[in-house]
Full PDB file with SEQRES, HELIX, SHEET, SSBOND, CRYST1, ORIGX, SCALE, CONECT and MASTER records, all heavy atoms in Angstrom:
SEQRES   1 A   38  GLY GLY GLY LEU VAL GLN ALA GLY GLY SER LEU ARG LEU          
SEQRES   2 A   38  SER CYS ALA ALA SER GLY ASN ILE PHE ARG ILE ASN THR          
SEQRES   3 A   38  MET GLY TRP TYR ARG GLN ALA PRO GLY LYS GLU ARG              
CRYST1    1.000    1.000    1.000  90.00  90.00  90.00 P 1           1          
ORIGX1      1.000000  0.000000  0.000000        0.00000                         
ORIGX2      0.000000  1.000000  0.000000        0.00000                         
ORIGX3      0.000000  0.000000  1.000000        0.00000                         
SCALE1      1.000000  0.000000  0.000000        0.00000                         
SCALE2      0.000000  1.000000  0.000000        0.00000                         
SCALE3      0.000000  0.000000  1.000000        0.00000                         
ATOM      1  N   GLY A   1       0.764  -1.234  -0.066  1.00  0.00           N  
ATOM      2  CA  GLY A   1      -0.030  -0.020  -0.034  1.00  0.00           C  
ATOM      3  C   GLY A   1       0.801   1.315  -0.033  1.00  0.00           C  
ATOM      4  O   GLY A   1       0.231   2.425  -0.192  1.00  0.00           O  
ATOM      5  N   GLY A   2       2.107   1.199   0.221  1.00  0.00           N  
ATOM      6  CA  GLY A   2       2.969   2.450   0.125  1.00  0.00           C  
ATOM      7  C   GLY A   2       2.947   2.933  -1.295  1.00  0.00           C  
ATOM      8  O   GLY A   2       2.547   2.397  -2.282  1.00  0.00           O  
ATOM      9  N   GLY A   3       3.429   4.211  -1.334  1.00  0.00           N  
ATOM     10  CA  GLY A   3       3.505   4.885  -2.563  1.00  0.00           C  
ATOM     11  C   GLY A   3       3.722   6.381  -2.489  1.00  0.00           C  
ATOM     12  O   GLY A   3       4.067   6.845  -1.387  1.00  0.00           O  
ATOM     13  N   LEU A   4       3.543   7.110  -3.614  1.00  0.00           N  
ATOM     14  CA  LEU A   4       3.802   8.478  -3.593  1.00  0.00           C  
ATOM     15  C   LEU A   4       2.446   9.254  -3.768  1.00  0.00           C  
ATOM     16  O   LEU A   4       1.677   8.830  -4.656  1.00  0.00           O  
ATOM     17  CB  LEU A   4       4.620   8.849  -4.808  1.00  0.00           C  
ATOM     18  CG  LEU A   4       4.846  10.400  -5.180  1.00  0.00           C  
ATOM     19  CD1 LEU A   4       5.604  11.081  -4.106  1.00  0.00           C  
ATOM     20  CD2 LEU A   4       5.535  10.510  -6.549  1.00  0.00           C  
ATOM     21  N   VAL A   5       2.165  10.195  -2.804  1.00  0.00           N  
ATOM     22  CA  VAL A   5       0.917  10.994  -2.857  1.00  0.00           C  
ATOM     23  C   VAL A   5       1.264  12.338  -2.605  1.00  0.00           C  
ATOM     24  O   VAL A   5       2.295  12.793  -2.055  1.00  0.00           O  
ATOM     25  CB  VAL A   5      -0.076  10.469  -1.879  1.00  0.00           C  
ATOM     26  CG1 VAL A   5      -0.539   9.027  -2.192  1.00  0.00           C  
ATOM     27  CG2 VAL A   5       0.513  10.537  -0.518  1.00  0.00           C  
ATOM     28  N   GLN A   6       0.358  13.257  -3.072  1.00  0.00           N  
ATOM     29  CA  GLN A   6       0.457  14.654  -2.713  1.00  0.00           C  
ATOM     30  C   GLN A   6      -0.024  14.979  -1.352  1.00  0.00           C  
ATOM     31  O   GLN A   6      -0.871  14.198  -0.773  1.00  0.00           O  
ATOM     32  CB  GLN A   6      -0.373  15.609  -3.708  1.00  0.00           C  
ATOM     33  CG  GLN A   6       0.351  15.765  -5.072  1.00  0.00           C  
ATOM     34  CD  GLN A   6      -0.440  16.897  -5.772  1.00  0.00           C  
ATOM     35  OE1 GLN A   6      -1.572  17.318  -5.450  1.00  0.00           O  
ATOM     36  NE2 GLN A   6       0.265  17.412  -6.849  1.00  0.00           N  
ATOM     37  N   ALA A   7       0.478  16.038  -0.712  1.00  0.00           N  
ATOM     38  CA  ALA A   7       0.025  16.425   0.607  1.00  0.00           C  
ATOM     39  C   ALA A   7      -1.544  16.610   0.504  1.00  0.00           C  
ATOM     40  O   ALA A   7      -2.151  17.121  -0.463  1.00  0.00           O  
ATOM     41  CB  ALA A   7       0.576  17.857   0.954  1.00  0.00           C  
ATOM     42  N   GLY A   8      -2.120  16.149   1.529  1.00  0.00           N  
ATOM     43  CA  GLY A   8      -3.661  16.162   1.609  1.00  0.00           C  
ATOM     44  C   GLY A   8      -4.354  14.916   1.175  1.00  0.00           C  
ATOM     45  O   GLY A   8      -5.578  14.711   1.204  1.00  0.00           O  
ATOM     46  N   GLY A   9      -3.550  13.939   0.472  1.00  0.00           N  
ATOM     47  CA  GLY A   9      -4.092  12.876  -0.079  1.00  0.00           C  
ATOM     48  C   GLY A   9      -4.094  11.599   1.008  1.00  0.00           C  
ATOM     49  O   GLY A   9      -3.833  11.945   2.158  1.00  0.00           O  
ATOM     50  N   SER A  10      -4.463  10.463   0.433  1.00  0.00           N  
ATOM     51  CA  SER A  10      -4.675   9.318   1.312  1.00  0.00           C  
ATOM     52  C   SER A  10      -3.987   8.075   0.795  1.00  0.00           C  
ATOM     53  O   SER A  10      -3.830   7.989  -0.358  1.00  0.00           O  
ATOM     54  CB  SER A  10      -6.127   9.114   1.472  1.00  0.00           C  
ATOM     55  OG  SER A  10      -6.847  10.110   2.138  1.00  0.00           O  
ATOM     56  N   LEU A  11      -3.603   7.220   1.748  1.00  0.00           N  
ATOM     57  CA  LEU A  11      -3.124   5.990   1.382  1.00  0.00           C  
ATOM     58  C   LEU A  11      -3.642   4.958   2.402  1.00  0.00           C  
ATOM     59  O   LEU A  11      -3.925   5.333   3.511  1.00  0.00           O  
ATOM     60  CB  LEU A  11      -1.580   5.919   1.374  1.00  0.00           C  
ATOM     61  CG  LEU A  11      -0.835   6.483   0.239  1.00  0.00           C  
ATOM     62  CD1 LEU A  11       0.722   6.473   0.570  1.00  0.00           C  
ATOM     63  CD2 LEU A  11      -1.110   5.682  -1.053  1.00  0.00           C  
ATOM     64  N   ARG A  12      -3.654   3.663   2.051  1.00  0.00           N  
ATOM     65  CA  ARG A  12      -4.164   2.749   2.920  1.00  0.00           C  
ATOM     66  C   ARG A  12      -3.042   1.528   2.878  1.00  0.00           C  
ATOM     67  O   ARG A  12      -2.800   0.895   1.981  1.00  0.00           O  
ATOM     68  CB  ARG A  12      -5.416   2.069   2.576  1.00  0.00           C  
ATOM     69  CG  ARG A  12      -5.997   0.995   3.532  1.00  0.00           C  
ATOM     70  CD  ARG A  12      -7.368   0.591   3.071  1.00  0.00           C  
ATOM     71  NE  ARG A  12      -7.981  -0.547   3.829  1.00  0.00           N  
ATOM     72  CZ  ARG A  12      -8.657  -0.547   4.956  1.00  0.00           C  
ATOM     73  NH1 ARG A  12      -8.779   0.810   5.553  1.00  0.00           N  
ATOM     74  NH2 ARG A  12      -9.108  -1.512   5.524  1.00  0.00           N  
ATOM     75  N   LEU A  13      -2.474   1.323   4.011  1.00  0.00           N  
ATOM     76  CA  LEU A  13      -1.489   0.279   4.184  1.00  0.00           C  
ATOM     77  C   LEU A  13      -2.073  -0.963   4.655  1.00  0.00           C  
ATOM     78  O   LEU A  13      -2.967  -0.902   5.587  1.00  0.00           O  
ATOM     79  CB  LEU A  13      -0.286   0.711   5.152  1.00  0.00           C  
ATOM     80  CG  LEU A  13       0.427   2.007   4.752  1.00  0.00           C  
ATOM     81  CD1 LEU A  13       1.563   2.250   5.869  1.00  0.00           C  
ATOM     82  CD2 LEU A  13       0.953   2.048   3.438  1.00  0.00           C  
ATOM     83  N   SER A  14      -1.558  -2.093   4.298  1.00  0.00           N  
ATOM     84  CA  SER A  14      -2.086  -3.450   4.742  1.00  0.00           C  
ATOM     85  C   SER A  14      -0.850  -4.234   5.149  1.00  0.00           C  
ATOM     86  O   SER A  14       0.340  -4.106   4.598  1.00  0.00           O  
ATOM     87  CB  SER A  14      -2.876  -4.146   3.706  1.00  0.00           C  
ATOM     88  OG  SER A  14      -3.969  -3.449   3.344  1.00  0.00           O  
ATOM     89  N   CYS A  15      -1.027  -5.129   6.129  1.00  0.00           N  
ATOM     90  CA  CYS A  15       0.040  -6.028   6.550  1.00  0.00           C  
ATOM     91  C   CYS A  15      -0.698  -7.352   7.016  1.00  0.00           C  
ATOM     92  O   CYS A  15      -1.524  -7.320   7.900  1.00  0.00           O  
ATOM     93  CB  CYS A  15       0.789  -5.404   7.696  1.00  0.00           C  
ATOM     94  SG  CYS A  15       2.040  -6.554   8.527  1.00  0.00           S  
ATOM     95  N   ALA A  16      -0.251  -8.335   6.304  1.00  0.00           N  
ATOM     96  CA  ALA A  16      -0.860  -9.754   6.588  1.00  0.00           C  
ATOM     97  C   ALA A  16       0.189 -10.532   7.284  1.00  0.00           C  
ATOM     98  O   ALA A  16       1.344 -10.624   6.843  1.00  0.00           O  
ATOM     99  CB  ALA A  16      -1.307 -10.317   5.247  1.00  0.00           C  
ATOM    100  N   ALA A  17      -0.254 -11.081   8.401  1.00  0.00           N  
ATOM    101  CA  ALA A  17       0.678 -12.055   9.195  1.00  0.00           C  
ATOM    102  C   ALA A  17       0.329 -13.427   8.940  1.00  0.00           C  
ATOM    103  O   ALA A  17      -0.837 -13.785   8.683  1.00  0.00           O  
ATOM    104  CB  ALA A  17       0.563 -11.738  10.659  1.00  0.00           C  
ATOM    105  N   SER A  18       1.410 -14.252   8.936  1.00  0.00           N  
ATOM    106  CA  SER A  18       1.191 -15.718   8.721  1.00  0.00           C  
ATOM    107  C   SER A  18       2.150 -16.426   9.577  1.00  0.00           C  
ATOM    108  O   SER A  18       3.191 -15.922   9.937  1.00  0.00           O  
ATOM    109  CB  SER A  18       1.307 -16.113   7.251  1.00  0.00           C  
ATOM    110  OG  SER A  18       2.601 -15.790   6.759  1.00  0.00           O  
ATOM    111  N   GLY A  19       1.862 -17.668   9.872  1.00  0.00           N  
ATOM    112  CA  GLY A  19       2.781 -18.481  10.615  1.00  0.00           C  
ATOM    113  C   GLY A  19       2.114 -18.935  11.917  1.00  0.00           C  
ATOM    114  O   GLY A  19       0.938 -19.149  11.974  1.00  0.00           O  
ATOM    115  N   ASN A  20       2.915 -18.879  13.004  1.00  0.00           N  
ATOM    116  CA  ASN A  20       2.311 -19.397  14.327  1.00  0.00           C  
ATOM    117  C   ASN A  20       1.687 -18.244  15.055  1.00  0.00           C  
ATOM    118  O   ASN A  20       2.418 -17.609  15.860  1.00  0.00           O  
ATOM    119  CB  ASN A  20       3.558 -20.017  15.103  1.00  0.00           C  
ATOM    120  CG  ASN A  20       3.092 -20.661  16.423  1.00  0.00           C  
ATOM    121  OD1 ASN A  20       3.868 -20.737  17.354  1.00  0.00           O  
ATOM    122  ND2 ASN A  20       1.816 -21.064  16.475  1.00  0.00           N  
ATOM    123  N   ILE A  21       0.522 -17.920  14.830  1.00  0.00           N  
ATOM    124  CA  ILE A  21      -0.229 -16.801  15.373  1.00  0.00           C  
ATOM    125  C   ILE A  21      -0.928 -17.236  16.649  1.00  0.00           C  
ATOM    126  O   ILE A  21      -1.730 -18.124  16.583  1.00  0.00           O  
ATOM    127  CB  ILE A  21      -1.238 -16.297  14.260  1.00  0.00           C  
ATOM    128  CG1 ILE A  21      -0.578 -15.943  12.899  1.00  0.00           C  
ATOM    129  CG2 ILE A  21      -1.835 -14.944  14.967  1.00  0.00           C  
ATOM    130  CD1 ILE A  21       0.597 -14.939  13.051  1.00  0.00           C  
ATOM    131  N   PHE A  22      -0.651 -16.502  17.730  1.00  0.00           N  
ATOM    132  CA  PHE A  22      -1.321 -16.695  18.894  1.00  0.00           C  
ATOM    133  C   PHE A  22      -2.571 -15.773  18.936  1.00  0.00           C  
ATOM    134  O   PHE A  22      -2.691 -14.815  18.231  1.00  0.00           O  
ATOM    135  CB  PHE A  22      -0.482 -16.343  20.198  1.00  0.00           C  
ATOM    136  CG  PHE A  22       0.821 -17.115  20.280  1.00  0.00           C  
ATOM    137  CD1 PHE A  22       1.813 -16.528  21.102  1.00  0.00           C  
ATOM    138  CD2 PHE A  22       1.011 -18.240  19.607  1.00  0.00           C  
ATOM    139  CE1 PHE A  22       3.019 -17.321  21.303  1.00  0.00           C  
ATOM    140  CE2 PHE A  22       2.249 -19.008  19.736  1.00  0.00           C  
ATOM    141  CZ  PHE A  22       3.167 -18.526  20.599  1.00  0.00           C  
ATOM    142  N   ARG A  23      -3.589 -16.132  19.788  1.00  0.00           N  
ATOM    143  CA  ARG A  23      -4.764 -15.388  19.811  1.00  0.00           C  
ATOM    144  C   ARG A  23      -4.559 -14.017  20.413  1.00  0.00           C  
ATOM    145  O   ARG A  23      -5.068 -12.980  19.867  1.00  0.00           O  
ATOM    146  CB  ARG A  23      -5.857 -16.013  20.789  1.00  0.00           C  
ATOM    147  CG  ARG A  23      -7.236 -15.634  20.537  1.00  0.00           C  
ATOM    148  CD  ARG A  23      -8.186 -16.287  21.411  1.00  0.00           C  
ATOM    149  NE  ARG A  23      -8.424 -15.466  22.685  1.00  0.00           N  
ATOM    150  CZ  ARG A  23      -7.878 -15.810  23.762  1.00  0.00           C  
ATOM    151  NH1 ARG A  23      -7.234 -16.854  24.011  1.00  0.00           N  
ATOM    152  NH2 ARG A  23      -8.124 -15.031  24.885  1.00  0.00           N  
ATOM    153  N   ILE A  24      -3.715 -13.885  21.444  1.00  0.00           N  
ATOM    154  CA  ILE A  24      -3.439 -12.599  22.073  1.00  0.00           C  
ATOM    155  C   ILE A  24      -2.126 -11.977  21.328  1.00  0.00           C  
ATOM    156  O   ILE A  24      -1.042 -12.531  21.539  1.00  0.00           O  
ATOM    157  CB  ILE A  24      -3.205 -12.766  23.551  1.00  0.00           C  
ATOM    158  CG1 ILE A  24      -4.493 -13.339  24.262  1.00  0.00           C  
ATOM    159  CG2 ILE A  24      -2.874 -11.466  24.215  1.00  0.00           C  
ATOM    160  CD1 ILE A  24      -4.287 -13.599  25.645  1.00  0.00           C  
ATOM    161  N   ASN A  25      -2.277 -10.936  20.739  1.00  0.00           N  
ATOM    162  CA  ASN A  25      -1.266 -10.227  20.070  1.00  0.00           C  
ATOM    163  C   ASN A  25      -1.580  -8.795  19.751  1.00  0.00           C  
ATOM    164  O   ASN A  25      -2.758  -8.394  19.872  1.00  0.00           O  
ATOM    165  CB  ASN A  25      -0.960 -11.014  18.708  1.00  0.00           C  
ATOM    166  CG  ASN A  25      -2.059 -10.981  17.713  1.00  0.00           C  
ATOM    167  OD1 ASN A  25      -2.400  -9.983  17.149  1.00  0.00           O  
ATOM    168  ND2 ASN A  25      -2.614 -12.144  17.479  1.00  0.00           N  
ATOM    169  N   THR A  26      -0.597  -8.071  19.466  1.00  0.00           N  
ATOM    170  CA  THR A  26      -0.685  -6.611  19.039  1.00  0.00           C  
ATOM    171  C   THR A  26      -0.106  -6.428  17.697  1.00  0.00           C  
ATOM    172  O   THR A  26       0.991  -6.893  17.394  1.00  0.00           O  
ATOM    173  CB  THR A  26      -0.052  -5.684  20.011  1.00  0.00           C  
ATOM    174  OG1 THR A  26      -0.698  -5.922  21.336  1.00  0.00           O  
ATOM    175  CG2 THR A  26      -0.163  -4.297  19.655  1.00  0.00           C  
ATOM    176  N   MET A  27      -0.793  -5.754  16.774  1.00  0.00           N  
ATOM    177  CA  MET A  27      -0.299  -5.421  15.494  1.00  0.00           C  
ATOM    178  C   MET A  27      -0.239  -3.889  15.369  1.00  0.00           C  
ATOM    179  O   MET A  27      -0.976  -3.252  15.951  1.00  0.00           O  
ATOM    180  CB  MET A  27      -1.103  -6.027  14.383  1.00  0.00           C  
ATOM    181  CG  MET A  27      -1.243  -7.463  14.402  1.00  0.00           C  
ATOM    182  SD  MET A  27      -2.137  -8.289  12.956  1.00  0.00           S  
ATOM    183  CE  MET A  27      -0.856  -8.016  11.683  1.00  0.00           C  
ATOM    184  N   GLY A  28       0.828  -3.471  14.707  1.00  0.00           N  
ATOM    185  CA  GLY A  28       0.907  -1.961  14.555  1.00  0.00           C  
ATOM    186  C   GLY A  28       1.851  -1.567  13.454  1.00  0.00           C  
ATOM    187  O   GLY A  28       2.293  -2.424  12.677  1.00  0.00           O  
ATOM    188  N   TRP A  29       2.101  -0.341  13.399  1.00  0.00           N  
ATOM    189  CA  TRP A  29       2.952   0.362  12.408  1.00  0.00           C  
ATOM    190  C   TRP A  29       3.920   1.277  13.136  1.00  0.00           C  
ATOM    191  O   TRP A  29       3.633   2.008  13.882  1.00  0.00           O  
ATOM    192  CB  TRP A  29       2.152   1.145  11.418  1.00  0.00           C  
ATOM    193  CG  TRP A  29       1.237   0.254  10.572  1.00  0.00           C  
ATOM    194  CD1 TRP A  29      -0.068  -0.069  10.817  1.00  0.00           C  
ATOM    195  CD2 TRP A  29       1.561  -0.381   9.342  1.00  0.00           C  
ATOM    196  NE1 TRP A  29      -0.564  -0.931   9.781  1.00  0.00           N  
ATOM    197  CE2 TRP A  29       0.554  -1.096   8.904  1.00  0.00           C  
ATOM    198  CE3 TRP A  29       2.661  -0.449   8.531  1.00  0.00           C  
ATOM    199  CZ2 TRP A  29       0.471  -1.850   7.755  1.00  0.00           C  
ATOM    200  CZ3 TRP A  29       2.730  -1.170   7.363  1.00  0.00           C  
ATOM    201  CH2 TRP A  29       1.564  -1.865   6.942  1.00  0.00           C  
ATOM    202  N   TYR A  30       5.167   1.124  12.704  1.00  0.00           N  
ATOM    203  CA  TYR A  30       6.223   2.120  13.012  1.00  0.00           C  
ATOM    204  C   TYR A  30       6.705   2.747  11.771  1.00  0.00           C  
ATOM    205  O   TYR A  30       6.474   2.291  10.679  1.00  0.00           O  
ATOM    206  CB  TYR A  30       7.371   1.381  13.728  1.00  0.00           C  
ATOM    207  CG  TYR A  30       7.171   0.935  15.061  1.00  0.00           C  
ATOM    208  CD1 TYR A  30       6.316  -0.070  15.390  1.00  0.00           C  
ATOM    209  CD2 TYR A  30       7.806   1.529  16.209  1.00  0.00           C  
ATOM    210  CE1 TYR A  30       6.078  -0.555  16.691  1.00  0.00           C  
ATOM    211  CE2 TYR A  30       7.607   1.129  17.451  1.00  0.00           C  
ATOM    212  CZ  TYR A  30       6.671   0.123  17.733  1.00  0.00           C  
ATOM    213  OH  TYR A  30       6.522  -0.330  19.024  1.00  0.00           O  
ATOM    214  N   ARG A  31       7.271   3.910  11.846  1.00  0.00           N  
ATOM    215  CA  ARG A  31       7.892   4.506  10.779  1.00  0.00           C  
ATOM    216  C   ARG A  31       9.215   5.073  11.081  1.00  0.00           C  
ATOM    217  O   ARG A  31       9.495   5.416  12.254  1.00  0.00           O  
ATOM    218  CB  ARG A  31       6.998   5.573  10.138  1.00  0.00           C  
ATOM    219  CG  ARG A  31       6.865   6.851  11.021  1.00  0.00           C  
ATOM    220  CD  ARG A  31       5.727   7.786  10.506  1.00  0.00           C  
ATOM    221  NE  ARG A  31       5.493   9.011  11.319  1.00  0.00           N  
ATOM    222  CZ  ARG A  31       4.539   9.860  11.034  1.00  0.00           C  
ATOM    223  NH1 ARG A  31       3.741   9.655  10.032  1.00  0.00           N  
ATOM    224  NH2 ARG A  31       4.507  10.878  11.887  1.00  0.00           N  
ATOM    225  N   GLN A  32      10.090   5.322  10.056  1.00  0.00           N  
ATOM    226  CA  GLN A  32      11.429   5.847  10.177  1.00  0.00           C  
ATOM    227  C   GLN A  32      11.582   6.797   9.001  1.00  0.00           C  
ATOM    228  O   GLN A  32      11.713   6.340   7.915  1.00  0.00           O  
ATOM    229  CB  GLN A  32      12.506   4.794  10.323  1.00  0.00           C  
ATOM    230  CG  GLN A  32      13.788   5.326  10.657  1.00  0.00           C  
ATOM    231  CD  GLN A  32      14.885   4.311  11.090  1.00  0.00           C  
ATOM    232  OE1 GLN A  32      14.678   3.201  10.797  1.00  0.00           O  
ATOM    233  NE2 GLN A  32      15.825   4.764  11.866  1.00  0.00           N  
ATOM    234  N   ALA A  33      11.706   8.027   9.270  1.00  0.00           N  
ATOM    235  CA  ALA A  33      12.038   9.043   8.328  1.00  0.00           C  
ATOM    236  C   ALA A  33      13.564   9.218   8.209  1.00  0.00           C  
ATOM    237  O   ALA A  33      14.327   8.879   9.205  1.00  0.00           O  
ATOM    238  CB  ALA A  33      11.398  10.372   8.715  1.00  0.00           C  
ATOM    239  N   PRO A  34      14.095   9.777   7.100  1.00  0.00           N  
ATOM    240  CA  PRO A  34      15.500   9.966   6.970  1.00  0.00           C  
ATOM    241  C   PRO A  34      16.082  10.793   8.076  1.00  0.00           C  
ATOM    242  O   PRO A  34      15.565  11.899   8.442  1.00  0.00           O  
ATOM    243  CB  PRO A  34      15.697  10.664   5.651  1.00  0.00           C  
ATOM    244  CG  PRO A  34      14.552  10.208   4.828  1.00  0.00           C  
ATOM    245  CD  PRO A  34      13.360  10.036   5.920  1.00  0.00           C  
ATOM    246  N   GLY A  35      17.080  10.339   8.700  1.00  0.00           N  
ATOM    247  CA  GLY A  35      17.769  11.036   9.803  1.00  0.00           C  
ATOM    248  C   GLY A  35      17.086  11.021  11.055  1.00  0.00           C  
ATOM    249  O   GLY A  35      17.457  11.724  11.982  1.00  0.00           O  
ATOM    250  N   LYS A  36      16.005  10.334  11.243  1.00  0.00           N  
ATOM    251  CA  LYS A  36      15.280  10.252  12.375  1.00  0.00           C  
ATOM    252  C   LYS A  36      15.196   8.797  13.012  1.00  0.00           C  
ATOM    253  O   LYS A  36      15.420   7.813  12.238  1.00  0.00           O  
ATOM    254  CB  LYS A  36      13.845  10.760  12.314  1.00  0.00           C  
ATOM    255  CG  LYS A  36      13.683  12.212  11.906  1.00  0.00           C  
ATOM    256  CD  LYS A  36      12.276  12.774  11.977  1.00  0.00           C  
ATOM    257  CE  LYS A  36      12.216  14.242  11.768  1.00  0.00           C  
ATOM    258  NZ  LYS A  36      10.735  14.698  11.805  1.00  0.00           N  
ATOM    259  N   GLU A  37      14.893   8.719  14.255  1.00  0.00           N  
ATOM    260  CA  GLU A  37      14.636   7.409  14.822  1.00  0.00           C  
ATOM    261  C   GLU A  37      13.380   6.737  14.506  1.00  0.00           C  
ATOM    262  O   GLU A  37      12.380   7.490  14.205  1.00  0.00           O  
ATOM    263  CB  GLU A  37      14.788   7.481  16.423  1.00  0.00           C  
ATOM    264  CG  GLU A  37      16.257   7.881  16.870  1.00  0.00           C  
ATOM    265  CD  GLU A  37      16.326   7.849  18.330  1.00  0.00           C  
ATOM    266  OE1 GLU A  37      15.357   7.861  19.060  1.00  0.00           O  
ATOM    267  OE2 GLU A  37      17.518   7.798  18.822  1.00  0.00           O  
ATOM    268  N   ARG A  38      13.226   5.508  14.607  1.00  0.00           N  
ATOM    269  CA  ARG A  38      12.106   4.817  14.342  1.00  0.00           C  
ATOM    270  C   ARG A  38      11.021   5.260  15.430  1.00  0.00           C  
ATOM    271  O   ARG A  38      11.313   5.211  16.604  1.00  0.00           O  
ATOM    272  CB  ARG A  38      12.255   3.306  14.263  1.00  0.00           C  
ATOM    273  CG  ARG A  38      11.075   2.487  14.072  1.00  0.00           C  
ATOM    274  CD  ARG A  38      11.411   1.045  13.955  1.00  0.00           C  
ATOM    275  NE  ARG A  38      12.203   0.551  15.151  1.00  0.00           N  
ATOM    276  CZ  ARG A  38      13.058  -0.480  15.196  1.00  0.00           C  
ATOM    277  NH1 ARG A  38      13.222  -1.175  14.104  1.00  0.00           N  
ATOM    278  NH2 ARG A  38      13.719  -0.717  16.309  1.00  0.00           N  
TER     279      ARG A  38                                                      
MASTER        0    0    0    0    0    0    0    6  278    1    0    3          
END                                                                             
């Protein structure tokens, strides 16, 4: 879902998990910009 958009626009990111999935879990998103910490 990543890509290039103009300011004011929208994007929708998706992330699918597979493997040994437990019922209790947390999913989320982090980001890291150039020169900055995650």
